[in-house]
Amino acid sequence: MRTKEEAIEHFRYKSPCDVTAEKHQKVTEAFMGVIESLWDSIPDGPGKTYALRKLADARMSFNSAIANNGQ
């Protein structure tokens, strides 16, 4: 983002269309799979909470990249 306009456009809500909704669903399913496969291997506690928050941040970044056409 090099201009104020580009930054504003990046943060503007973009409702998903059929193509992007399918991509968002694939991202969600992938992260659900990671959680499913690792959940029982990670002891409960602040480390697990931290890791889950990082996964949530990553998921949001993937979905933002989809919504913003790779930007």
PDB file of N, CA and C in Angstrom:
ATOM      1  N   MET A   1       0.855  -1.173   0.000  1.00  0.00           N
ATOM      2  CA  MET A   1       0.000   0.000   0.000  1.00  0.00           C
ATOM      3  C   MET A   1       0.896   1.228   0.000  1.00  0.00           C
ATOM      4  N   ARG A   2       0.831   1.939  -1.066  1.00  0.00           N
ATOM      5  CA  ARG A   2       1.710   3.101  -1.204  1.00  0.00           C
ATOM      6  C   ARG A   2       0.985   4.420  -1.050  1.00  0.00           C
ATOM      7  N   THR A   3      -0.326   4.375  -1.153  1.00  0.00           N
ATOM      8  CA  THR A   3      -1.086   5.620  -1.017  1.00  0.00           C
ATOM      9  C   THR A   3      -2.174   5.447   0.031  1.00  0.00           C
ATOM     10  N   LYS A   4      -2.686   6.565   0.483  1.00  0.00           N
ATOM     11  CA  LYS A   4      -3.791   6.534   1.437  1.00  0.00           C
ATOM     12  C   LYS A   4      -4.990   5.839   0.816  1.00  0.00           C
ATOM     13  N   GLU A   5      -5.252   6.086  -0.444  1.00  0.00           N
ATOM     14  CA  GLU A   5      -6.377   5.468  -1.133  1.00  0.00           C
ATOM     15  C   GLU A   5      -6.241   3.952  -1.177  1.00  0.00           C
ATOM     16  N   GLU A   6      -5.019   3.455  -1.451  1.00  0.00           N
ATOM     17  CA  GLU A   6      -4.785   2.010  -1.467  1.00  0.00           C
ATOM     18  C   GLU A   6      -5.007   1.407  -0.078  1.00  0.00           C
ATOM     19  N   ALA A   7      -4.567   2.119   0.952  1.00  0.00           N
ATOM     20  CA  ALA A   7      -4.763   1.631   2.322  1.00  0.00           C
ATOM     21  C   ALA A   7      -6.242   1.582   2.668  1.00  0.00           C
ATOM     22  N   ILE A   8      -6.982   2.615   2.316  1.00  0.00           N
ATOM     23  CA  ILE A   8      -8.418   2.642   2.593  1.00  0.00           C
ATOM     24  C   ILE A   8      -9.126   1.528   1.843  1.00  0.00           C
ATOM     25  N   GLU A   9      -8.768   1.313   0.594  1.00  0.00           N
ATOM     26  CA  GLU A   9      -9.382   0.240  -0.195  1.00  0.00           C
ATOM     27  C   GLU A   9      -9.069  -1.124   0.399  1.00  0.00           C
ATOM     28  N   HIS A  10      -7.862  -1.289   0.917  1.00  0.00           N
ATOM     29  CA  HIS A  10      -7.473  -2.557   1.533  1.00  0.00           C
ATOM     30  C   HIS A  10      -8.379  -2.888   2.718  1.00  0.00           C
ATOM     31  N   PHE A  11      -8.766  -1.882   3.490  1.00  0.00           N
ATOM     32  CA  PHE A  11      -9.583  -2.104   4.685  1.00  0.00           C
ATOM     33  C   PHE A  11     -11.087  -2.070   4.411  1.00  0.00           C
ATOM     34  N   ARG A  12     -11.481  -1.691   3.204  1.00  0.00           N
ATOM     35  CA  ARG A  12     -12.905  -1.653   2.857  1.00  0.00           C
ATOM     36  C   ARG A  12     -13.462  -3.075   2.844  1.00  0.00           C
ATOM     37  N   TYR A  13     -14.673  -3.251   3.362  1.00  0.00           N
ATOM     38  CA  TYR A  13     -15.308  -4.563   3.372  1.00  0.00           C
ATOM     39  C   TYR A  13     -15.601  -5.003   1.947  1.00  0.00           C
ATOM     40  N   LYS A  14     -15.251  -6.241   1.665  1.00  0.00           N
ATOM     41  CA  LYS A  14     -15.531  -6.825   0.350  1.00  0.00           C
ATOM     42  C   LYS A  14     -16.345  -8.088   0.582  1.00  0.00           C
ATOM     43  N   SER A  15     -17.606  -8.048   0.211  1.00  0.00           N
ATOM     44  CA  SER A  15     -18.439  -9.231   0.424  1.00  0.00           C
ATOM     45  C   SER A  15     -18.005 -10.334  -0.535  1.00  0.00           C
ATOM     46  N   PRO A  16     -17.961 -11.557  -0.037  1.00  0.00           N
ATOM     47  CA  PRO A  16     -17.490 -12.649  -0.885  1.00  0.00           C
ATOM     48  C   PRO A  16     -18.466 -12.986  -2.007  1.00  0.00           C
ATOM     49  N   CYS A  17     -17.912 -13.286  -3.161  1.00  0.00           N
ATOM     50  CA  CYS A  17     -18.707 -13.804  -4.272  1.00  0.00           C
ATOM     51  C   CYS A  17     -18.561 -15.321  -4.258  1.00  0.00           C
ATOM     52  N   ASP A  18     -19.145 -16.009  -5.200  1.00  0.00           N
ATOM     53  CA  ASP A  18     -19.068 -17.470  -5.233  1.00  0.00           C
ATOM     54  C   ASP A  18     -17.617 -17.970  -5.245  1.00  0.00           C
ATOM     55  N   VAL A  19     -16.772 -17.340  -6.035  1.00  0.00           N
ATOM     56  CA  VAL A  19     -15.380 -17.779  -6.163  1.00  0.00           C
ATOM     57  C   VAL A  19     -14.617 -17.535  -4.867  1.00  0.00           C
ATOM     58  N   THR A  20     -14.716 -16.326  -4.307  1.00  0.00           N
ATOM     59  CA  THR A  20     -13.951 -16.036  -3.097  1.00  0.00           C
ATOM     60  C   THR A  20     -14.522 -16.766  -1.887  1.00  0.00           C
ATOM     61  N   ALA A  21     -15.822 -16.969  -1.826  1.00  0.00           N
ATOM     62  CA  ALA A  21     -16.415 -17.700  -0.703  1.00  0.00           C
ATOM     63  C   ALA A  21     -15.860 -19.115  -0.647  1.00  0.00           C
ATOM     64  N   GLU A  22     -15.683 -19.736  -1.793  1.00  0.00           N
ATOM     65  CA  GLU A  22     -15.119 -21.088  -1.848  1.00  0.00           C
ATOM     66  C   GLU A  22     -13.669 -21.081  -1.354  1.00  0.00           C
ATOM     67  N   LYS A  23     -12.911 -20.063  -1.716  1.00  0.00           N
ATOM     68  CA  LYS A  23     -11.524 -19.956  -1.267  1.00  0.00           C
ATOM     69  C   LYS A  23     -11.459 -19.738   0.240  1.00  0.00           C
ATOM     70  N   HIS A  24     -12.332 -18.875   0.752  1.00  0.00           N
ATOM     71  CA  HIS A  24     -12.377 -18.637   2.201  1.00  0.00           C
ATOM     72  C   HIS A  24     -12.704 -19.940   2.937  1.00  0.00           C
ATOM     73  N   GLN A  25     -13.613 -20.727   2.393  1.00  0.00           N
ATOM     74  CA  GLN A  25     -13.988 -21.996   3.015  1.00  0.00           C
ATOM     75  C   GLN A  25     -12.802 -22.958   3.035  1.00  0.00           C
ATOM     76  N   LYS A  26     -12.010 -22.985   1.972  1.00  0.00           N
ATOM     77  CA  LYS A  26     -10.830 -23.846   1.933  1.00  0.00           C
ATOM     78  C   LYS A  26      -9.827 -23.447   3.012  1.00  0.00           C
ATOM     79  N   VAL A  27      -9.642 -22.149   3.204  1.00  0.00           N
ATOM     80  CA  VAL A  27      -8.755 -21.661   4.264  1.00  0.00           C
ATOM     81  C   VAL A  27      -9.271 -22.121   5.624  1.00  0.00           C
ATOM     82  N   THR A  28     -10.557 -21.929   5.860  1.00  0.00           N
ATOM     83  CA  THR A  28     -11.151 -22.340   7.129  1.00  0.00           C
ATOM     84  C   THR A  28     -10.955 -23.825   7.370  1.00  0.00           C
ATOM     85  N   GLU A  29     -11.223 -24.634   6.375  1.00  0.00           N
ATOM     86  CA  GLU A  29     -11.081 -26.080   6.519  1.00  0.00           C
ATOM     87  C   GLU A  29      -9.630 -26.475   6.794  1.00  0.00           C
ATOM     88  N   ALA A  30      -8.686 -25.814   6.163  1.00  0.00           N
ATOM     89  CA  ALA A  30      -7.273 -26.124   6.389  1.00  0.00           C
ATOM     90  C   ALA A  30      -6.881 -25.838   7.834  1.00  0.00           C
ATOM     91  N   PHE A  31      -7.312 -24.702   8.355  1.00  0.00           N
ATOM     92  CA  PHE A  31      -6.969 -24.355   9.737  1.00  0.00           C
ATOM     93  C   PHE A  31      -7.698 -25.253  10.730  1.00  0.00           C
ATOM     94  N   MET A  32      -8.911 -25.627  10.421  1.00  0.00           N
ATOM     95  CA  MET A  32      -9.628 -26.571  11.274  1.00  0.00           C
ATOM     96  C   MET A  32      -8.894 -27.905  11.312  1.00  0.00           C
ATOM     97  N   GLY A  33      -8.329 -28.319  10.184  1.00  0.00           N
ATOM     98  CA  GLY A  33      -7.562 -29.555  10.127  1.00  0.00           C
ATOM     99  C   GLY A  33      -6.302 -29.493  10.982  1.00  0.00           C
ATOM    100  N   VAL A  34      -5.625 -28.347  10.953  1.00  0.00           N
ATOM    101  CA  VAL A  34      -4.436 -28.172  11.787  1.00  0.00           C
ATOM    102  C   VAL A  34      -4.813 -28.294  13.263  1.00  0.00           C
ATOM    103  N   ILE A  35      -5.878 -27.609  13.648  1.00  0.00           N
ATOM    104  CA  ILE A  35      -6.318 -27.665  15.045  1.00  0.00           C
ATOM    105  C   ILE A  35      -6.710 -29.086  15.419  1.00  0.00           C
ATOM    106  N   GLU A  36      -7.463 -29.735  14.560  1.00  0.00           N
ATOM    107  CA  GLU A  36      -7.910 -31.102  14.826  1.00  0.00           C
ATOM    108  C   GLU A  36      -6.714 -32.046  15.017  1.00  0.00           C
ATOM    109  N   SER A  37      -5.706 -31.909  14.173  1.00  0.00           N
ATOM    110  CA  SER A  37      -4.578 -32.835  14.233  1.00  0.00           C
ATOM    111  C   SER A  37      -3.633 -32.553  15.395  1.00  0.00           C
ATOM    112  N   LEU A  38      -3.578 -31.330  15.887  1.00  0.00           N
ATOM    113  CA  LEU A  38      -2.624 -30.981  16.936  1.00  0.00           C
ATOM    114  C   LEU A  38      -3.220 -30.836  18.332  1.00  0.00           C
ATOM    115  N   TRP A  39      -4.516 -30.664  18.432  1.00  0.00           N
ATOM    116  CA  TRP A  39      -5.161 -30.291  19.698  1.00  0.00           C
ATOM    117  C   TRP A  39      -4.711 -31.147  20.875  1.00  0.00           C
ATOM    118  N   ASP A  40      -4.795 -32.450  20.739  1.00  0.00           N
ATOM    119  CA  ASP A  40      -4.484 -33.342  21.854  1.00  0.00           C
ATOM    120  C   ASP A  40      -2.989 -33.443  22.146  1.00  0.00           C
ATOM    121  N   SER A  41      -2.152 -33.015  21.226  1.00  0.00           N
ATOM    122  CA  SER A  41      -0.702 -33.079  21.429  1.00  0.00           C
ATOM    123  C   SER A  41      -0.157 -31.882  22.194  1.00  0.00           C
ATOM    124  N   ILE A  42      -0.922 -30.826  22.268  1.00  0.00           N
ATOM    125  CA  ILE A  42      -0.460 -29.593  22.919  1.00  0.00           C
ATOM    126  C   ILE A  42      -1.119 -29.479  24.281  1.00  0.00           C
ATOM    127  N   PRO A  43      -0.326 -29.355  25.348  1.00  0.00           N
ATOM    128  CA  PRO A  43      -0.931 -29.236  26.671  1.00  0.00           C
ATOM    129  C   PRO A  43      -1.705 -27.921  26.807  1.00  0.00           C
ATOM    130  N   ASP A  44      -2.800 -27.974  27.555  1.00  0.00           N
ATOM    131  CA  ASP A  44      -3.566 -26.766  27.817  1.00  0.00           C
ATOM    132  C   ASP A  44      -2.705 -25.771  28.591  1.00  0.00           C
ATOM    133  N   GLY A  45      -2.910 -24.510  28.308  1.00  0.00           N
ATOM    134  CA  GLY A  45      -2.165 -23.474  29.013  1.00  0.00           C
ATOM    135  C   GLY A  45      -1.927 -22.286  28.111  1.00  0.00           C
ATOM    136  N   PRO A  46      -1.164 -21.331  28.605  1.00  0.00           N
ATOM    137  CA  PRO A  46      -0.948 -20.103  27.846  1.00  0.00           C
ATOM    138  C   PRO A  46      -0.239 -20.318  26.515  1.00  0.00           C
ATOM    139  N   GLY A  47       0.630 -21.319  26.432  1.00  0.00           N
ATOM    140  CA  GLY A  47       1.307 -21.581  25.164  1.00  0.00           C
ATOM    141  C   GLY A  47       0.338 -22.020  24.084  1.00  0.00           C
ATOM    142  N   LYS A  48      -0.615 -22.862  24.453  1.00  0.00           N
ATOM    143  CA  LYS A  48      -1.629 -23.328  23.502  1.00  0.00           C
ATOM    144  C   LYS A  48      -2.517 -22.160  23.077  1.00  0.00           C
ATOM    145  N   THR A  49      -2.890 -21.340  24.041  1.00  0.00           N
ATOM    146  CA  THR A  49      -3.716 -20.165  23.732  1.00  0.00           C
ATOM    147  C   THR A  49      -2.984 -19.239  22.775  1.00  0.00           C
ATOM    148  N   TYR A  50      -1.695 -19.009  23.035  1.00  0.00           N
ATOM    149  CA  TYR A  50      -0.882 -18.143  22.171  1.00  0.00           C
ATOM    150  C   TYR A  50      -0.827 -18.703  20.751  1.00  0.00           C
ATOM    151  N   ALA A  51      -0.581 -20.005  20.650  1.00  0.00           N
ATOM    152  CA  ALA A  51      -0.504 -20.642  19.333  1.00  0.00           C
ATOM    153  C   ALA A  51      -1.828 -20.529  18.590  1.00  0.00           C
ATOM    154  N   LEU A  52      -2.943 -20.731  19.291  1.00  0.00           N
ATOM    155  CA  LEU A  52      -4.262 -20.615  18.655  1.00  0.00           C
ATOM    156  C   LEU A  52      -4.520 -19.192  18.179  1.00  0.00           C
ATOM    157  N   ARG A  53      -4.073 -18.216  18.948  1.00  0.00           N
ATOM    158  CA  ARG A  53      -4.238 -16.811  18.515  1.00  0.00           C
ATOM    159  C   ARG A  53      -3.413 -16.540  17.264  1.00  0.00           C
ATOM    160  N   LYS A  54      -2.217 -17.106  17.197  1.00  0.00           N
ATOM    161  CA  LYS A  54      -1.382 -16.925  16.004  1.00  0.00           C
ATOM    162  C   LYS A  54      -2.027 -17.594  14.790  1.00  0.00           C
ATOM    163  N   LEU A  55      -2.623 -18.766  15.000  1.00  0.00           N
ATOM    164  CA  LEU A  55      -3.348 -19.416  13.900  1.00  0.00           C
ATOM    165  C   LEU A  55      -4.520 -18.553  13.439  1.00  0.00           C
ATOM    166  N   ALA A  56      -5.236 -17.965  14.396  1.00  0.00           N
ATOM    167  CA  ALA A  56      -6.361 -17.092  14.043  1.00  0.00           C
ATOM    168  C   ALA A  56      -5.864 -15.886  13.241  1.00  0.00           C
ATOM    169  N   ASP A  57      -4.730 -15.316  13.652  1.00  0.00           N
ATOM    170  CA  ASP A  57      -4.151 -14.192  12.906  1.00  0.00           C
ATOM    171  C   ASP A  57      -3.763 -14.619  11.490  1.00  0.00           C
ATOM    172  N   ALA A  58      -3.162 -15.795  11.379  1.00  0.00           N
ATOM    173  CA  ALA A  58      -2.758 -16.293  10.060  1.00  0.00           C
ATOM    174  C   ALA A  58      -3.976 -16.519   9.173  1.00  0.00           C
ATOM    175  N   ARG A  59      -5.022 -17.102   9.747  1.00  0.00           N
ATOM    176  CA  ARG A  59      -6.249 -17.334   8.978  1.00  0.00           C
ATOM    177  C   ARG A  59      -6.819 -16.009   8.465  1.00  0.00           C
ATOM    178  N   MET A  60      -6.826 -15.012   9.332  1.00  0.00           N
ATOM    179  CA  MET A  60      -7.335 -13.712   8.913  1.00  0.00           C
ATOM    180  C   MET A  60      -6.470 -13.116   7.809  1.00  0.00           C
ATOM    181  N   SER A  61      -5.159 -13.317   7.885  1.00  0.00           N
ATOM    182  CA  SER A  61      -4.272 -12.812   6.836  1.00  0.00           C
ATOM    183  C   SER A  61      -4.503 -13.507   5.503  1.00  0.00           C
ATOM    184  N   PHE A  62      -4.714 -14.828   5.546  1.00  0.00           N
ATOM    185  CA  PHE A  62      -5.041 -15.556   4.315  1.00  0.00           C
ATOM    186  C   PHE A  62      -6.354 -15.040   3.721  1.00  0.00           C
ATOM    187  N   ASN A  63      -7.367 -14.861   4.557  1.00  0.00           N
ATOM    188  CA  ASN A  63      -8.651 -14.387   4.057  1.00  0.00           C
ATOM    189  C   ASN A  63      -8.560 -12.951   3.542  1.00  0.00           C
ATOM    190  N   SER A  64      -7.738 -12.141   4.186  1.00  0.00           N
ATOM    191  CA  SER A  64      -7.524 -10.785   3.691  1.00  0.00           C
ATOM    192  C   SER A  64      -6.853 -10.812   2.320  1.00  0.00           C
ATOM    193  N   ALA A  65      -5.887 -11.698   2.144  1.00  0.00           N
ATOM    194  CA  ALA A  65      -5.221 -11.814   0.844  1.00  0.00           C
ATOM    195  C   ALA A  65      -6.214 -12.226  -0.241  1.00  0.00           C
ATOM    196  N   ILE A  66      -7.146 -13.127   0.097  1.00  0.00           N
ATOM    197  CA  ILE A  66      -8.166 -13.512  -0.866  1.00  0.00           C
ATOM    198  C   ILE A  66      -9.062 -12.322  -1.190  1.00  0.00           C
ATOM    199  N   ALA A  67      -9.552 -11.658  -0.160  1.00  0.00           N
ATOM    200  CA  ALA A  67     -10.467 -10.526  -0.351  1.00  0.00           C
ATOM    201  C   ALA A  67      -9.826  -9.386  -1.105  1.00  0.00           C
ATOM    202  N   ASN A  68      -8.508  -9.212  -0.900  1.00  0.00           N
ATOM    203  CA  ASN A  68      -7.794  -8.096  -1.525  1.00  0.00           C
ATOM    204  C   ASN A  68      -7.001  -8.527  -2.747  1.00  0.00           C
ATOM    205  N   ASN A  69      -7.380  -9.682  -3.318  1.00  0.00           N
ATOM    206  CA  ASN A  69      -6.777 -10.160  -4.564  1.00  0.00           C
ATOM    207  C   ASN A  69      -5.251 -10.238  -4.484  1.00  0.00           C
ATOM    208  N   GLY A  70      -4.767 -10.806  -3.375  1.00  0.00           N
ATOM    209  CA  GLY A  70      -3.344 -11.029  -3.228  1.00  0.00           C
ATOM    210  C   GLY A  70      -2.552  -9.876  -2.656  1.00  0.00           C
ATOM    211  N   GLN A  71      -3.193  -8.774  -2.436  1.00  0.00           N
ATOM    212  CA  GLN A  71      -2.471  -7.599  -1.907  1.00  0.00           C
ATOM    213  C   GLN A  71      -2.348  -7.654  -0.407  1.00  0.00           C
TER     214      GLN A  71
END
